[in-house]
Amino acid sequence: MSKNTLIGIGVLAAVVVAGALYYFLVFQKQAATVTPLEKEQGLGGDLYDKTGNPGSAVPDTNPFEKVQANPLQGTNPFEGGYENPFGE
């Protein structure tokens, strides 16, 4: 390699290192100190405030919540007719 090529590679490396240092030390601090703008409430927020949550008014439709385990319950004609005087 010639002397000029080595000098060019060295200058290029110095520029890359200087750019990286500037980016990590100066530019990132400036980007971190910028405060974001406050978002204004848009159309969707206005509609939600006026109507509320429509999903909260959905009725319970779980068919397994009130299950009768015995389908023949209440069909015994002698149920409740005789009480054992010695039992609890």
N, C-alpha and C. Protein backbone atom coordinates (compact mmCIF):
# COMPACT_ATOMS: atom_id res chain seq x y z
N MET A 1 0.84 -1.18 0.00
CA MET A 1 0.00 0.00 0.00
C MET A 1 0.88 1.24 0.00
N SER A 2 0.34 2.23 -0.66
CA SER A 2 1.12 3.47 -0.72
C SER A 2 0.86 4.31 0.52
N LYS A 3 1.71 5.28 0.68
CA LYS A 3 1.64 6.17 1.83
C LYS A 3 0.35 6.99 1.79
N ASN A 4 -0.09 7.43 0.61
CA ASN A 4 -1.31 8.23 0.48
C ASN A 4 -2.56 7.42 0.86
N THR A 5 -2.58 6.15 0.52
CA THR A 5 -3.73 5.29 0.86
C THR A 5 -3.83 5.12 2.37
N LEU A 6 -2.71 4.91 3.03
CA LEU A 6 -2.72 4.77 4.49
C LEU A 6 -3.17 6.06 5.16
N ILE A 7 -2.73 7.20 4.67
CA ILE A 7 -3.15 8.48 5.24
C ILE A 7 -4.66 8.68 5.03
N GLY A 8 -5.17 8.31 3.85
CA GLY A 8 -6.61 8.43 3.56
C GLY A 8 -7.45 7.55 4.48
N ILE A 9 -6.99 6.31 4.70
CA ILE A 9 -7.71 5.41 5.60
C ILE A 9 -7.68 5.95 7.03
N GLY A 10 -6.57 6.50 7.45
CA GLY A 10 -6.46 7.08 8.80
C GLY A 10 -7.37 8.27 8.98
N VAL A 11 -7.43 9.17 7.98
CA VAL A 11 -8.32 10.33 8.05
C VAL A 11 -9.77 9.89 8.07
N LEU A 12 -10.12 8.91 7.24
CA LEU A 12 -11.48 8.38 7.20
C LEU A 12 -11.88 7.76 8.54
N ALA A 13 -10.96 7.01 9.15
CA ALA A 13 -11.23 6.41 10.46
C ALA A 13 -11.40 7.49 11.51
N ALA A 14 -10.62 8.55 11.46
CA ALA A 14 -10.74 9.64 12.43
C ALA A 14 -12.08 10.35 12.27
N VAL A 15 -12.54 10.52 11.05
CA VAL A 15 -13.86 11.16 10.82
C VAL A 15 -14.98 10.29 11.34
N VAL A 16 -14.90 8.97 11.13
CA VAL A 16 -15.93 8.05 11.61
C VAL A 16 -15.97 8.05 13.14
N VAL A 17 -14.81 8.02 13.77
CA VAL A 17 -14.75 8.03 15.23
C VAL A 17 -15.29 9.35 15.77
N ALA A 18 -14.93 10.47 15.16
CA ALA A 18 -15.44 11.77 15.61
C ALA A 18 -16.95 11.85 15.45
N GLY A 19 -17.48 11.34 14.34
CA GLY A 19 -18.93 11.33 14.14
C GLY A 19 -19.65 10.47 15.16
N ALA A 20 -19.09 9.31 15.48
CA ALA A 20 -19.70 8.42 16.47
C ALA A 20 -19.69 9.07 17.85
N LEU A 21 -18.58 9.71 18.22
CA LEU A 21 -18.52 10.40 19.51
C LEU A 21 -19.54 11.53 19.58
N TYR A 22 -19.66 12.30 18.51
CA TYR A 22 -20.65 13.38 18.49
C TYR A 22 -22.06 12.82 18.64
N TYR A 23 -22.34 11.73 17.95
CA TYR A 23 -23.68 11.15 18.01
C TYR A 23 -24.00 10.65 19.42
N PHE A 24 -23.09 9.91 20.02
CA PHE A 24 -23.37 9.31 21.32
C PHE A 24 -23.26 10.30 22.48
N LEU A 25 -22.39 11.30 22.38
CA LEU A 25 -22.19 12.21 23.52
C LEU A 25 -23.04 13.47 23.44
N VAL A 26 -23.25 14.01 22.25
CA VAL A 26 -23.94 15.29 22.13
C VAL A 26 -25.36 15.13 21.60
N PHE A 27 -25.52 14.43 20.49
CA PHE A 27 -26.82 14.35 19.83
C PHE A 27 -27.83 13.58 20.68
N GLN A 28 -27.42 12.50 21.33
CA GLN A 28 -28.35 11.72 22.14
C GLN A 28 -28.81 12.49 23.36
N LYS A 29 -27.96 13.32 23.96
CA LYS A 29 -28.38 14.14 25.10
C LYS A 29 -29.39 15.19 24.66
N GLN A 30 -29.19 15.76 23.48
CA GLN A 30 -30.14 16.75 22.98
C GLN A 30 -31.49 16.09 22.69
N ALA A 31 -31.48 14.90 22.15
CA ALA A 31 -32.72 14.20 21.83
C ALA A 31 -33.45 13.81 23.11
N ALA A 32 -32.72 13.53 24.18
CA ALA A 32 -33.35 13.12 25.43
C ALA A 32 -33.98 14.30 26.15
N THR A 33 -33.48 15.51 25.95
CA THR A 33 -34.01 16.66 26.66
C THR A 33 -35.23 17.27 25.97
N VAL A 34 -35.54 16.84 24.77
CA VAL A 34 -36.70 17.38 24.07
C VAL A 34 -37.95 16.76 24.67
N THR A 35 -38.88 17.59 25.10
CA THR A 35 -40.11 17.08 25.69
C THR A 35 -41.16 16.90 24.60
N PRO A 36 -41.90 15.82 24.64
CA PRO A 36 -42.92 15.60 23.62
C PRO A 36 -44.10 16.54 23.83
N LEU A 37 -44.76 16.85 22.76
CA LEU A 37 -45.94 17.71 22.83
C LEU A 37 -47.08 16.94 23.48
N GLU A 38 -47.93 17.66 24.19
CA GLU A 38 -49.09 17.01 24.80
C GLU A 38 -50.11 16.72 23.72
N LYS A 39 -50.64 15.50 23.76
CA LYS A 39 -51.64 15.13 22.78
C LYS A 39 -52.99 15.69 23.19
N GLU A 40 -53.66 16.26 22.24
CA GLU A 40 -55.01 16.72 22.50
C GLU A 40 -55.96 15.56 22.31
N GLN A 41 -57.06 15.61 23.02
CA GLN A 41 -58.01 14.53 22.90
C GLN A 41 -58.71 14.64 21.56
N GLY A 42 -58.71 13.58 20.80
CA GLY A 42 -59.27 13.58 19.46
C GLY A 42 -60.73 13.18 19.45
N LEU A 43 -61.22 12.87 18.27
CA LEU A 43 -62.61 12.52 18.08
C LEU A 43 -62.97 11.23 18.82
N GLY A 44 -62.08 10.26 18.80
CA GLY A 44 -62.37 9.00 19.48
C GLY A 44 -62.52 9.17 20.97
N GLY A 45 -61.70 10.00 21.58
CA GLY A 45 -61.81 10.26 23.01
C GLY A 45 -63.09 10.98 23.36
N ASP A 46 -63.50 11.92 22.51
CA ASP A 46 -64.75 12.63 22.74
C ASP A 46 -65.94 11.68 22.68
N LEU A 47 -65.94 10.80 21.68
CA LEU A 47 -67.03 9.84 21.55
C LEU A 47 -67.07 8.89 22.73
N TYR A 48 -65.91 8.46 23.21
CA TYR A 48 -65.86 7.54 24.35
C TYR A 48 -66.40 8.22 25.60
N ASP A 49 -66.07 9.50 25.79
CA ASP A 49 -66.58 10.22 26.95
C ASP A 49 -68.09 10.37 26.91
N LYS A 50 -68.64 10.56 25.72
CA LYS A 50 -70.09 10.76 25.60
C LYS A 50 -70.86 9.45 25.71
N THR A 51 -70.35 8.38 25.12
CA THR A 51 -71.11 7.14 25.08
C THR A 51 -70.71 6.15 26.17
N GLY A 52 -69.52 6.22 26.68
CA GLY A 52 -69.06 5.25 27.66
C GLY A 52 -68.59 3.98 27.00
N ASN A 53 -68.50 2.93 27.77
CA ASN A 53 -68.03 1.65 27.26
C ASN A 53 -69.23 0.78 26.94
N PRO A 54 -69.53 0.54 25.66
CA PRO A 54 -70.70 -0.28 25.34
C PRO A 54 -70.53 -1.74 25.73
N GLY A 55 -69.33 -2.19 25.94
CA GLY A 55 -69.11 -3.58 26.32
C GLY A 55 -69.47 -3.87 27.76
N SER A 56 -69.63 -2.86 28.59
CA SER A 56 -69.97 -3.10 29.99
C SER A 56 -71.45 -3.43 30.16
N ALA A 57 -72.29 -3.20 29.15
CA ALA A 57 -73.72 -3.46 29.25
C ALA A 57 -74.11 -4.80 28.62
N VAL A 58 -73.15 -5.65 28.32
CA VAL A 58 -73.44 -6.95 27.72
C VAL A 58 -73.97 -7.87 28.80
N PRO A 59 -75.12 -8.54 28.56
CA PRO A 59 -75.67 -9.42 29.60
C PRO A 59 -74.88 -10.71 29.73
N ASP A 60 -75.05 -11.38 30.88
CA ASP A 60 -74.41 -12.66 31.11
C ASP A 60 -75.09 -13.72 30.27
N THR A 61 -74.33 -14.46 29.49
CA THR A 61 -74.91 -15.50 28.63
C THR A 61 -74.21 -16.82 28.82
N ASN A 62 -73.64 -17.05 29.98
CA ASN A 62 -72.94 -18.30 30.24
C ASN A 62 -73.96 -19.40 30.53
N PRO A 63 -74.13 -20.39 29.65
CA PRO A 63 -75.14 -21.43 29.89
C PRO A 63 -74.75 -22.41 30.99
N PHE A 64 -73.50 -22.43 31.39
CA PHE A 64 -73.05 -23.39 32.39
C PHE A 64 -73.03 -22.80 33.80
N GLU A 65 -73.49 -21.58 33.95
CA GLU A 65 -73.43 -20.94 35.25
C GLU A 65 -74.50 -21.50 36.20
N LYS A 66 -75.72 -21.69 35.71
CA LYS A 66 -76.82 -22.18 36.54
C LYS A 66 -77.26 -23.54 36.00
N VAL A 67 -76.49 -24.57 36.29
CA VAL A 67 -76.76 -25.90 35.77
C VAL A 67 -77.43 -26.73 36.86
N GLN A 68 -78.52 -27.41 36.51
CA GLN A 68 -79.13 -28.36 37.42
C GLN A 68 -78.47 -29.71 37.17
N ALA A 69 -77.89 -30.29 38.20
CA ALA A 69 -77.18 -31.55 38.04
C ALA A 69 -78.16 -32.72 37.90
N ASN A 70 -79.33 -32.63 38.53
CA ASN A 70 -80.30 -33.71 38.47
C ASN A 70 -81.51 -33.24 37.65
N PRO A 71 -81.68 -33.77 36.45
CA PRO A 71 -82.83 -33.32 35.65
C PRO A 71 -84.16 -33.86 36.16
N LEU A 72 -84.14 -34.89 37.01
CA LEU A 72 -85.37 -35.46 37.54
C LEU A 72 -85.75 -34.88 38.90
N GLN A 73 -85.11 -33.84 39.30
CA GLN A 73 -85.36 -33.24 40.61
C GLN A 73 -86.79 -32.70 40.66
N GLY A 74 -87.51 -33.04 41.73
CA GLY A 74 -88.88 -32.57 41.90
C GLY A 74 -89.92 -33.50 41.31
N THR A 75 -89.53 -34.65 40.78
CA THR A 75 -90.50 -35.57 40.20
C THR A 75 -90.91 -36.68 41.16
N ASN A 76 -90.31 -36.78 42.34
CA ASN A 76 -90.66 -37.81 43.33
C ASN A 76 -91.95 -37.38 44.04
N PRO A 77 -93.01 -38.16 43.92
CA PRO A 77 -94.27 -37.76 44.57
C PRO A 77 -94.22 -37.91 46.09
N PHE A 78 -93.29 -38.69 46.64
CA PHE A 78 -93.22 -38.90 48.08
C PHE A 78 -92.20 -37.99 48.74
N GLU A 79 -91.62 -37.08 48.00
CA GLU A 79 -90.59 -36.20 48.55
C GLU A 79 -91.21 -35.22 49.53
N GLY A 80 -90.68 -35.17 50.73
CA GLY A 80 -91.16 -34.23 51.73
C GLY A 80 -92.41 -34.70 52.44
N GLY A 81 -92.88 -35.93 52.16
CA GLY A 81 -94.12 -36.42 52.77
C GLY A 81 -93.89 -37.01 54.15
N TYR A 82 -92.82 -37.69 54.37
CA TYR A 82 -92.58 -38.36 55.65
C TYR A 82 -91.27 -37.82 56.20
N GLU A 83 -91.31 -37.42 57.46
CA GLU A 83 -90.11 -36.95 58.13
C GLU A 83 -89.73 -37.96 59.19
N ASN A 84 -88.49 -38.35 59.27
CA ASN A 84 -87.99 -39.30 60.25
C ASN A 84 -87.96 -38.62 61.61
N PRO A 85 -88.70 -39.16 62.58
CA PRO A 85 -88.72 -38.51 63.90
C PRO A 85 -87.41 -38.67 64.67
N PHE A 86 -86.57 -39.61 64.31
CA PHE A 86 -85.32 -39.83 65.02
C PHE A 86 -84.11 -39.18 64.34
N GLY A 87 -84.27 -38.69 63.12
CA GLY A 87 -83.15 -38.10 62.39
C GLY A 87 -83.11 -36.57 62.54
N GLU A 88 -82.13 -36.04 62.08
CA GLU A 88 -81.99 -34.59 62.18
C GLU A 88 -82.68 -33.90 61.03
